[in-house]
PDB file of all heavy atoms in Angstrom:
ATOM      1  N   CYS A   1     -11.531   7.537  17.374  1.00  0.00           N
ATOM      2  CA  CYS A   1     -11.547   6.657  16.206  1.00  0.00           C
ATOM      3  C   CYS A   1     -12.427   5.446  16.482  1.00  0.00           C
ATOM      4  O   CYS A   1     -12.266   4.768  17.491  1.00  0.00           O
ATOM      5  CB  CYS A   1     -10.120   6.216  15.874  1.00  0.00           C
ATOM      6  SG  CYS A   1      -9.999   4.995  14.566  1.00  0.00           S
ATOM      7  N   THR A   2     -13.350   5.177  15.565  1.00  0.00           N
ATOM      8  CA  THR A   2     -14.250   4.036  15.747  1.00  0.00           C
ATOM      9  C   THR A   2     -13.894   2.858  14.840  1.00  0.00           C
ATOM     10  O   THR A   2     -14.498   1.796  14.944  1.00  0.00           O
ATOM     11  CB  THR A   2     -15.706   4.453  15.460  1.00  0.00           C
ATOM     12  OG1 THR A   2     -15.810   4.956  14.122  1.00  0.00           O
ATOM     13  CG2 THR A   2     -16.163   5.527  16.446  1.00  0.00           C
ATOM     14  N   GLN A   3     -12.915   3.055  13.936  1.00  0.00           N
ATOM     15  CA  GLN A   3     -12.474   1.961  13.065  1.00  0.00           C
ATOM     16  C   GLN A   3     -10.945   1.864  13.114  1.00  0.00           C
ATOM     17  O   GLN A   3     -10.274   2.139  12.119  1.00  0.00           O
ATOM     18  CB  GLN A   3     -12.928   2.192  11.624  1.00  0.00           C
ATOM     19  CG  GLN A   3     -14.435   2.211  11.419  1.00  0.00           C
ATOM     20  CD  GLN A   3     -14.808   2.224   9.940  1.00  0.00           C
ATOM     21  OE1 GLN A   3     -14.379   1.360   9.161  1.00  0.00           O
ATOM     22  NE2 GLN A   3     -15.602   3.198   9.541  1.00  0.00           N
ATOM     23  N   PRO A   4     -10.389   1.495  14.260  1.00  0.00           N
ATOM     24  CA  PRO A   4      -8.919   1.399  14.351  1.00  0.00           C
ATOM     25  C   PRO A   4      -8.380   0.390  13.356  1.00  0.00           C
ATOM     26  O   PRO A   4      -9.067  -0.555  12.956  1.00  0.00           O
ATOM     27  CB  PRO A   4      -8.692   0.967  15.794  1.00  0.00           C
ATOM     28  CG  PRO A   4      -9.978   0.338  16.234  1.00  0.00           C
ATOM     29  CD  PRO A   4     -11.060   1.070  15.508  1.00  0.00           C
ATOM     30  N   TYR A   5      -7.116   0.609  12.983  1.00  0.00           N
ATOM     31  CA  TYR A   5      -6.474  -0.236  11.972  1.00  0.00           C
ATOM     32  C   TYR A   5      -5.252  -0.917  12.564  1.00  0.00           C
ATOM     33  O   TYR A   5      -4.376  -0.268  13.145  1.00  0.00           O
ATOM     34  CB  TYR A   5      -6.072   0.617  10.767  1.00  0.00           C
ATOM     35  CG  TYR A   5      -5.349  -0.135   9.681  1.00  0.00           C
ATOM     36  CD1 TYR A   5      -5.897  -1.281   9.108  1.00  0.00           C
ATOM     37  CD2 TYR A   5      -4.113   0.310   9.208  1.00  0.00           C
ATOM     38  CE1 TYR A   5      -5.239  -1.976   8.102  1.00  0.00           C
ATOM     39  CE2 TYR A   5      -3.437  -0.376   8.192  1.00  0.00           C
ATOM     40  CZ  TYR A   5      -4.018  -1.516   7.642  1.00  0.00           C
ATOM     41  OH  TYR A   5      -3.359  -2.202   6.648  1.00  0.00           O
ATOM     42  N   ALA A   6      -5.196  -2.232  12.435  1.00  0.00           N
ATOM     43  CA  ALA A   6      -4.038  -3.005  12.888  1.00  0.00           C
ATOM     44  C   ALA A   6      -3.021  -3.048  11.756  1.00  0.00           C
ATOM     45  O   ALA A   6      -3.080  -3.904  10.868  1.00  0.00           O
ATOM     46  CB  ALA A   6      -4.449  -4.415  13.289  1.00  0.00           C
ATOM     47  N   ALA A   7      -2.076  -2.110  11.780  1.00  0.00           N
ATOM     48  CA  ALA A   7      -1.124  -1.950  10.683  1.00  0.00           C
ATOM     49  C   ALA A   7       0.131  -2.770  10.916  1.00  0.00           C
ATOM     50  O   ALA A   7       0.559  -2.990  12.052  1.00  0.00           O
ATOM     51  CB  ALA A   7      -0.751  -0.476  10.534  1.00  0.00           C
ATOM     52  N   SER A   8       0.739  -3.192   9.832  1.00  0.00           N
ATOM     53  CA  SER A   8       2.068  -3.790   9.909  1.00  0.00           C
ATOM     54  C   SER A   8       3.051  -2.717  10.363  1.00  0.00           C
ATOM     55  O   SER A   8       2.817  -1.520  10.163  1.00  0.00           O
ATOM     56  CB  SER A   8       2.474  -4.336   8.540  1.00  0.00           C
ATOM     57  OG  SER A   8       3.833  -4.711   8.516  1.00  0.00           O
ATOM     58  N   VAL A   9       4.164  -3.128  10.950  1.00  0.00           N
ATOM     59  CA  VAL A   9       5.179  -2.144  11.347  1.00  0.00           C
ATOM     60  C   VAL A   9       6.017  -1.707  10.140  1.00  0.00           C
ATOM     61  O   VAL A   9       6.899  -0.851  10.272  1.00  0.00           O
ATOM     62  CB  VAL A   9       6.111  -2.695  12.445  1.00  0.00           C
ATOM     63  CG1 VAL A   9       5.341  -3.004  13.707  1.00  0.00           C
ATOM     64  CG2 VAL A   9       6.886  -3.917  11.950  1.00  0.00           C
ATOM     65  N   PHE A  10       5.722  -2.272   8.943  1.00  0.00           N
ATOM     66  CA  PHE A  10       6.476  -1.931   7.739  1.00  0.00           C
ATOM     67  C   PHE A  10       5.509  -1.827   6.575  1.00  0.00           C
ATOM     68  O   PHE A  10       4.867  -2.815   6.202  1.00  0.00           O
ATOM     69  CB  PHE A  10       7.533  -3.008   7.483  1.00  0.00           C
ATOM     70  CG  PHE A  10       8.517  -2.683   6.388  1.00  0.00           C
ATOM     71  CD1 PHE A  10       9.079  -1.428   6.276  1.00  0.00           C
ATOM     72  CD2 PHE A  10       8.889  -3.661   5.473  1.00  0.00           C
ATOM     73  CE1 PHE A  10       9.998  -1.140   5.274  1.00  0.00           C
ATOM     74  CE2 PHE A  10       9.818  -3.391   4.478  1.00  0.00           C
ATOM     75  CZ  PHE A  10      10.372  -2.127   4.373  1.00  0.00           C
ATOM     76  N   ASN A  11       5.380  -0.636   5.993  1.00  0.00           N
ATOM     77  CA  ASN A  11       4.384  -0.389   4.959  1.00  0.00           C
ATOM     78  C   ASN A  11       4.979   0.399   3.791  1.00  0.00           C
ATOM     79  O   ASN A  11       6.097   0.913   3.871  1.00  0.00           O
ATOM     80  CB  ASN A  11       3.200   0.370   5.554  1.00  0.00           C
ATOM     81  CG  ASN A  11       2.539  -0.372   6.687  1.00  0.00           C
ATOM     82  OD1 ASN A  11       1.854  -1.374   6.480  1.00  0.00           O
ATOM     83  ND2 ASN A  11       2.748   0.104   7.906  1.00  0.00           N
ATOM     84  N   ILE A  12       4.190   0.502   2.712  1.00  0.00           N
ATOM     85  CA  ILE A  12       4.631   1.222   1.514  1.00  0.00           C
ATOM     86  C   ILE A  12       4.363   2.704   1.692  1.00  0.00           C
ATOM     87  O   ILE A  12       3.237   3.113   1.945  1.00  0.00           O
ATOM     88  CB  ILE A  12       3.910   0.702   0.263  1.00  0.00           C
ATOM     89  CG1 ILE A  12       4.161  -0.799   0.089  1.00  0.00           C
ATOM     90  CG2 ILE A  12       4.355   1.470  -0.975  1.00  0.00           C
ATOM     91  CD1 ILE A  12       3.325  -1.437  -1.017  1.00  0.00           C
ATOM     92  N   SER A  13       5.386   3.503   1.540  1.00  0.00           N
ATOM     93  CA  SER A  13       5.266   4.945   1.711  1.00  0.00           C
ATOM     94  C   SER A  13       4.585   5.592   0.505  1.00  0.00           C
ATOM     95  O   SER A  13       4.362   4.956  -0.528  1.00  0.00           O
ATOM     96  CB  SER A  13       6.652   5.556   1.928  1.00  0.00           C
ATOM     97  OG  SER A  13       6.556   6.856   2.461  1.00  0.00           O
ATOM     98  N   ALA A  14       4.296   6.888   0.641  1.00  0.00           N
ATOM     99  CA  ALA A  14       3.509   7.613  -0.356  1.00  0.00           C
ATOM    100  C   ALA A  14       4.218   7.755  -1.692  1.00  0.00           C
ATOM    101  O   ALA A  14       5.284   8.355  -1.779  1.00  0.00           O
ATOM    102  CB  ALA A  14       3.166   9.005   0.191  1.00  0.00           C
ATOM    103  N   MET A  15       3.617   7.179  -2.739  1.00  0.00           N
ATOM    104  CA  MET A  15       4.085   7.332  -4.117  1.00  0.00           C
ATOM    105  C   MET A  15       2.852   7.356  -5.008  1.00  0.00           C
ATOM    106  O   MET A  15       2.091   6.393  -5.053  1.00  0.00           O
ATOM    107  CB  MET A  15       5.023   6.183  -4.511  1.00  0.00           C
ATOM    108  CG  MET A  15       6.322   6.142  -3.737  1.00  0.00           C
ATOM    109  SD  MET A  15       7.415   4.784  -4.254  1.00  0.00           S
ATOM    110  CE  MET A  15       6.589   3.389  -3.458  1.00  0.00           C
ATOM    111  N   SER A  16       2.657   8.454  -5.729  1.00  0.00           N
ATOM    112  CA  SER A  16       1.424   8.657  -6.483  1.00  0.00           C
ATOM    113  C   SER A  16       1.423   7.928  -7.824  1.00  0.00           C
ATOM    114  O   SER A  16       2.468   7.726  -8.441  1.00  0.00           O
ATOM    115  CB  SER A  16       1.212  10.152  -6.753  1.00  0.00           C
ATOM    116  OG  SER A  16       1.146  10.895  -5.570  1.00  0.00           O
ATOM    117  N   PHE A  17       0.213   7.589  -8.282  1.00  0.00           N
ATOM    118  CA  PHE A  17       0.046   7.202  -9.674  1.00  0.00           C
ATOM    119  C   PHE A  17       0.241   8.471 -10.498  1.00  0.00           C
ATOM    120  O   PHE A  17      -0.398   9.483 -10.273  1.00  0.00           O
ATOM    121  CB  PHE A  17      -1.343   6.614  -9.934  1.00  0.00           C
ATOM    122  CG  PHE A  17      -1.642   6.431 -11.391  1.00  0.00           C
ATOM    123  CD1 PHE A  17      -0.827   5.653 -12.185  1.00  0.00           C
ATOM    124  CD2 PHE A  17      -2.744   7.045 -11.989  1.00  0.00           C
ATOM    125  CE1 PHE A  17      -1.085   5.475 -13.544  1.00  0.00           C
ATOM    126  CE2 PHE A  17      -3.014   6.871 -13.336  1.00  0.00           C
ATOM    127  CZ  PHE A  17      -2.188   6.093 -14.119  1.00  0.00           C
ATOM    128  N   GLY A  18       1.115   8.398 -11.451  1.00  0.00           N
ATOM    129  CA  GLY A  18       1.552   9.591 -12.181  1.00  0.00           C
ATOM    130  C   GLY A  18       3.043   9.728 -11.991  1.00  0.00           C
ATOM    131  O   GLY A  18       3.800   9.873 -12.947  1.00  0.00           O
ATOM    132  N   ALA A  19       3.475   9.642 -10.730  1.00  0.00           N
ATOM    133  CA  ALA A  19       4.910   9.541 -10.451  1.00  0.00           C
ATOM    134  C   ALA A  19       5.359   8.115 -10.774  1.00  0.00           C
ATOM    135  O   ALA A  19       6.418   7.897 -11.362  1.00  0.00           O
ATOM    136  CB  ALA A  19       5.207   9.884  -9.003  1.00  0.00           C
ATOM    137  N   LEU A  20       4.551   7.132 -10.372  1.00  0.00           N
ATOM    138  CA  LEU A  20       4.806   5.725 -10.713  1.00  0.00           C
ATOM    139  C   LEU A  20       3.869   5.293 -11.829  1.00  0.00           C
ATOM    140  O   LEU A  20       2.787   5.860 -12.020  1.00  0.00           O
ATOM    141  CB  LEU A  20       4.605   4.825  -9.492  1.00  0.00           C
ATOM    142  CG  LEU A  20       5.501   5.027  -8.276  1.00  0.00           C
ATOM    143  CD1 LEU A  20       5.330   3.867  -7.317  1.00  0.00           C
ATOM    144  CD2 LEU A  20       6.953   5.185  -8.661  1.00  0.00           C
ATOM    145  N   SER A  21       4.260   4.272 -12.541  1.00  0.00           N
ATOM    146  CA  SER A  21       3.451   3.757 -13.637  1.00  0.00           C
ATOM    147  C   SER A  21       2.261   2.962 -13.113  1.00  0.00           C
ATOM    148  O   SER A  21       2.216   2.563 -11.942  1.00  0.00           O
ATOM    149  CB  SER A  21       4.307   2.855 -14.541  1.00  0.00           C
ATOM    150  OG  SER A  21       4.683   1.671 -13.842  1.00  0.00           O
ATOM    151  N   ALA A  22       1.321   2.719 -13.996  1.00  0.00           N
ATOM    152  CA  ALA A  22       0.154   1.914 -13.637  1.00  0.00           C
ATOM    153  C   ALA A  22       0.571   0.512 -13.213  1.00  0.00           C
ATOM    154  O   ALA A  22       0.040  -0.046 -12.242  1.00  0.00           O
ATOM    155  CB  ALA A  22      -0.808   1.843 -14.825  1.00  0.00           C
ATOM    156  N   ASN A  23       1.534  -0.069 -13.920  1.00  0.00           N
ATOM    157  CA  ASN A  23       1.990  -1.414 -13.570  1.00  0.00           C
ATOM    158  C   ASN A  23       2.661  -1.444 -12.204  1.00  0.00           C
ATOM    159  O   ASN A  23       2.512  -2.404 -11.443  1.00  0.00           O
ATOM    160  CB  ASN A  23       2.944  -1.940 -14.640  1.00  0.00           C
ATOM    161  CG  ASN A  23       2.221  -2.370 -15.905  1.00  0.00           C
ATOM    162  OD1 ASN A  23       1.076  -1.993 -16.123  1.00  0.00           O
ATOM    163  ND2 ASN A  23       2.874  -3.156 -16.732  1.00  0.00           N
ATOM    164  N   ALA A  24       3.419  -0.392 -11.890  1.00  0.00           N
ATOM    165  CA  ALA A  24       4.076  -0.323 -10.586  1.00  0.00           C
ATOM    166  C   ALA A  24       3.042  -0.243  -9.466  1.00  0.00           C
ATOM    167  O   ALA A  24       3.172  -0.914  -8.435  1.00  0.00           O
ATOM    168  CB  ALA A  24       5.019   0.873 -10.530  1.00  0.00           C
ATOM    169  N   ILE A  25       2.028   0.581  -9.653  1.00  0.00           N
ATOM    170  CA  ILE A  25       0.972   0.719  -8.639  1.00  0.00           C
ATOM    171  C   ILE A  25       0.252  -0.611  -8.448  1.00  0.00           C
ATOM    172  O   ILE A  25      -0.016  -1.043  -7.316  1.00  0.00           O
ATOM    173  CB  ILE A  25      -0.034   1.819  -9.049  1.00  0.00           C
ATOM    174  CG1 ILE A  25       0.634   3.197  -9.039  1.00  0.00           C
ATOM    175  CG2 ILE A  25      -1.253   1.801  -8.129  1.00  0.00           C
ATOM    176  CD1 ILE A  25       1.085   3.676  -7.681  1.00  0.00           C
ATOM    177  N   GLN A  26      -0.068  -1.284  -9.545  1.00  0.00           N
ATOM    178  CA  GLN A  26      -0.739  -2.585  -9.440  1.00  0.00           C
ATOM    179  C   GLN A  26       0.102  -3.586  -8.657  1.00  0.00           C
ATOM    180  O   GLN A  26      -0.404  -4.310  -7.791  1.00  0.00           O
ATOM    181  CB  GLN A  26      -1.003  -3.142 -10.834  1.00  0.00           C
ATOM    182  CG  GLN A  26      -2.043  -2.422 -11.641  1.00  0.00           C
ATOM    183  CD  GLN A  26      -2.222  -3.080 -12.993  1.00  0.00           C
ATOM    184  OE1 GLN A  26      -2.738  -4.199 -13.110  1.00  0.00           O
ATOM    185  NE2 GLN A  26      -1.782  -2.408 -14.044  1.00  0.00           N
ATOM    186  N   ALA A  27       1.392  -3.640  -8.974  1.00  0.00           N
ATOM    187  CA  ALA A  27       2.270  -4.613  -8.317  1.00  0.00           C
ATOM    188  C   ALA A  27       2.422  -4.306  -6.835  1.00  0.00           C
ATOM    189  O   ALA A  27       2.408  -5.222  -5.997  1.00  0.00           O
ATOM    190  CB  ALA A  27       3.634  -4.626  -9.002  1.00  0.00           C
ATOM    191  N   LEU A  28       2.576  -3.031  -6.491  1.00  0.00           N
ATOM    192  CA  LEU A  28       2.692  -2.656  -5.083  1.00  0.00           C
ATOM    193  C   LEU A  28       1.438  -3.044  -4.314  1.00  0.00           C
ATOM    194  O   LEU A  28       1.512  -3.625  -3.220  1.00  0.00           O
ATOM    195  CB  LEU A  28       2.933  -1.146  -4.956  1.00  0.00           C
ATOM    196  CG  LEU A  28       4.309  -0.627  -5.373  1.00  0.00           C
ATOM    197  CD1 LEU A  28       4.312   0.898  -5.376  1.00  0.00           C
ATOM    198  CD2 LEU A  28       5.392  -1.154  -4.441  1.00  0.00           C
ATOM    199  N   ASN A  29       0.286  -2.739  -4.888  1.00  0.00           N
ATOM    200  CA  ASN A  29      -0.956  -3.013  -4.169  1.00  0.00           C
ATOM    201  C   ASN A  29      -1.251  -4.507  -4.082  1.00  0.00           C
ATOM    202  O   ASN A  29      -1.750  -4.987  -3.053  1.00  0.00           O
ATOM    203  CB  ASN A  29      -2.125  -2.280  -4.819  1.00  0.00           C
ATOM    204  CG  ASN A  29      -3.334  -2.209  -3.918  1.00  0.00           C
ATOM    205  OD1 ASN A  29      -4.308  -2.934  -4.102  1.00  0.00           O
ATOM    206  ND2 ASN A  29      -3.265  -1.357  -2.901  1.00  0.00           N
ATOM    207  N   ALA A  30      -0.915  -5.246  -5.130  1.00  0.00           N
ATOM    208  CA  ALA A  30      -1.109  -6.694  -5.084  1.00  0.00           C
ATOM    209  C   ALA A  30      -0.208  -7.319  -4.024  1.00  0.00           C
ATOM    210  O   ALA A  30      -0.616  -8.238  -3.296  1.00  0.00           O
ATOM    211  CB  ALA A  30      -0.832  -7.308  -6.455  1.00  0.00           C
ATOM    212  N   GLY A  31       1.043  -6.840  -3.932  1.00  0.00           N
ATOM    213  CA  GLY A  31       1.947  -7.339  -2.901  1.00  0.00           C
ATOM    214  C   GLY A  31       1.460  -6.993  -1.509  1.00  0.00           C
ATOM    215  O   GLY A  31       1.547  -7.821  -0.583  1.00  0.00           O
ATOM    216  N   ALA A  32       0.911  -5.770  -1.354  1.00  0.00           N
ATOM    217  CA  ALA A  32       0.380  -5.355  -0.057  1.00  0.00           C
ATOM    218  C   ALA A  32      -0.825  -6.193   0.340  1.00  0.00           C
ATOM    219  O   ALA A  32      -0.987  -6.566   1.511  1.00  0.00           O
ATOM    220  CB  ALA A  32      -0.003  -3.875  -0.111  1.00  0.00           C
ATOM    221  N   LYS A  33      -1.665  -6.504  -0.636  1.00  0.00           N
ATOM    222  CA  LYS A  33      -2.827  -7.347  -0.365  1.00  0.00           C
ATOM    223  C   LYS A  33      -2.401  -8.737   0.115  1.00  0.00           C
ATOM    224  O   LYS A  33      -2.928  -9.248   1.117  1.00  0.00           O
ATOM    225  CB  LYS A  33      -3.665  -7.479  -1.647  1.00  0.00           C
ATOM    226  CG  LYS A  33      -4.827  -8.457  -1.562  1.00  0.00           C
ATOM    227  CD  LYS A  33      -5.903  -7.973  -0.603  1.00  0.00           C
ATOM    228  CE  LYS A  33      -7.117  -8.888  -0.661  1.00  0.00           C
ATOM    229  NZ  LYS A  33      -8.181  -8.455   0.280  1.00  0.00           N
ATOM    230  N   ARG A  34      -1.439  -9.301  -0.547  1.00  0.00           N
ATOM    231  CA  ARG A  34      -0.985 -10.647  -0.199  1.00  0.00           C
ATOM    232  C   ARG A  34      -0.306 -10.666   1.173  1.00  0.00           C
ATOM    233  O   ARG A  34      -0.463 -11.620   1.933  1.00  0.00           O
ATOM    234  CB  ARG A  34      -0.027 -11.154  -1.273  1.00  0.00           C
ATOM    235  CG  ARG A  34       0.482 -12.566  -1.047  1.00  0.00           C
ATOM    236  CD  ARG A  34       1.343 -13.024  -2.210  1.00  0.00           C
ATOM    237  NE  ARG A  34       2.030 -14.273  -1.910  1.00  0.00           N
ATOM    238  CZ  ARG A  34       2.944 -14.826  -2.693  1.00  0.00           C
ATOM    239  NH1 ARG A  34       3.256 -14.252  -3.848  1.00  0.00           N
ATOM    240  NH2 ARG A  34       3.529 -15.961  -2.344  1.00  0.00           N
ATOM    241  N   GLY A  35       0.436  -9.604   1.481  1.00  0.00           N
ATOM    242  CA  GLY A  35       1.180  -9.577   2.744  1.00  0.00           C
ATOM    243  C   GLY A  35       0.439  -8.941   3.897  1.00  0.00           C
ATOM    244  O   GLY A  35       0.938  -8.957   5.031  1.00  0.00           O
ATOM    245  N   GLY A  36      -0.739  -8.356   3.626  1.00  0.00           N
ATOM    246  CA  GLY A  36      -1.511  -7.745   4.702  1.00  0.00           C
ATOM    247  C   GLY A  36      -0.881  -6.487   5.276  1.00  0.00           C
ATOM    248  O   GLY A  36      -0.946  -6.232   6.473  1.00  0.00           O
ATOM    249  N   PHE A  37      -0.255  -5.691   4.416  1.00  0.00           N
ATOM    250  CA  PHE A  37       0.292  -4.419   4.874  1.00  0.00           C
ATOM    251  C   PHE A  37      -0.297  -3.289   4.041  1.00  0.00           C
ATOM    252  O   PHE A  37      -1.041  -3.522   3.093  1.00  0.00           O
ATOM    253  CB  PHE A  37       1.822  -4.424   4.846  1.00  0.00           C
ATOM    254  CG  PHE A  37       2.450  -4.790   3.524  1.00  0.00           C
ATOM    255  CD1 PHE A  37       2.945  -3.824   2.667  1.00  0.00           C
ATOM    256  CD2 PHE A  37       2.588  -6.127   3.149  1.00  0.00           C
ATOM    257  CE1 PHE A  37       3.548  -4.159   1.466  1.00  0.00           C
ATOM    258  CE2 PHE A  37       3.193  -6.483   1.946  1.00  0.00           C
ATOM    259  CZ  PHE A  37       3.666  -5.493   1.094  1.00  0.00           C
ATOM    260  N   ALA A  38       0.016  -2.050   4.404  1.00  0.00           N
ATOM    261  CA  ALA A  38      -0.673  -0.897   3.836  1.00  0.00           C
ATOM    262  C   ALA A  38       0.108  -0.257   2.703  1.00  0.00           C
ATOM    263  O   ALA A  38       1.334  -0.248   2.692  1.00  0.00           O
ATOM    264  CB  ALA A  38      -0.952   0.141   4.924  1.00  0.00           C
ATOM    265  N   HIS A  39      -0.635   0.333   1.787  1.00  0.00           N
ATOM    266  CA  HIS A  39      -0.092   0.993   0.606  1.00  0.00           C
ATOM    267  C   HIS A  39      -0.582   2.441   0.612  1.00  0.00           C
ATOM    268  O   HIS A  39      -1.768   2.695   0.445  1.00  0.00           O
ATOM    269  CB  HIS A  39      -0.567   0.242  -0.647  1.00  0.00           C
ATOM    270  CG  HIS A  39      -0.130   0.847  -1.948  1.00  0.00           C
ATOM    271  ND1 HIS A  39      -0.653   0.450  -3.164  1.00  0.00           N
ATOM    272  CD2 HIS A  39       0.791   1.803  -2.238  1.00  0.00           C
ATOM    273  CE1 HIS A  39      -0.080   1.140  -4.127  1.00  0.00           C
ATOM    274  NE2 HIS A  39       0.790   1.968  -3.584  1.00  0.00           N
ATOM    275  N   ASP A  40       0.332   3.379   0.817  1.00  0.00           N
ATOM    276  CA  ASP A  40      -0.020   4.803   0.807  1.00  0.00           C
ATOM    277  C   ASP A  40      -0.162   5.272  -0.635  1.00  0.00           C
ATOM    278  O   ASP A  40       0.711   5.038  -1.468  1.00  0.00           O
ATOM    279  CB  ASP A  40       1.071   5.614   1.527  1.00  0.00           C
ATOM    280  CG  ASP A  40       0.634   7.028   1.856  1.00  0.00           C
ATOM    281  OD1 ASP A  40       0.113   7.717   0.959  1.00  0.00           O
ATOM    282  OD2 ASP A  40       0.833   7.458   3.014  1.00  0.00           O
TER     283      ASP A  40
END
């Protein structure tokens, strides 16, 4: 691996757009951006 990722020890697990609403996906990703953790 040439681009290792420093991940938080606590991240958002896999939930697809379609299973979740557009607003839910936006909120999850905005929260992940602010907290510096990953969104599957």
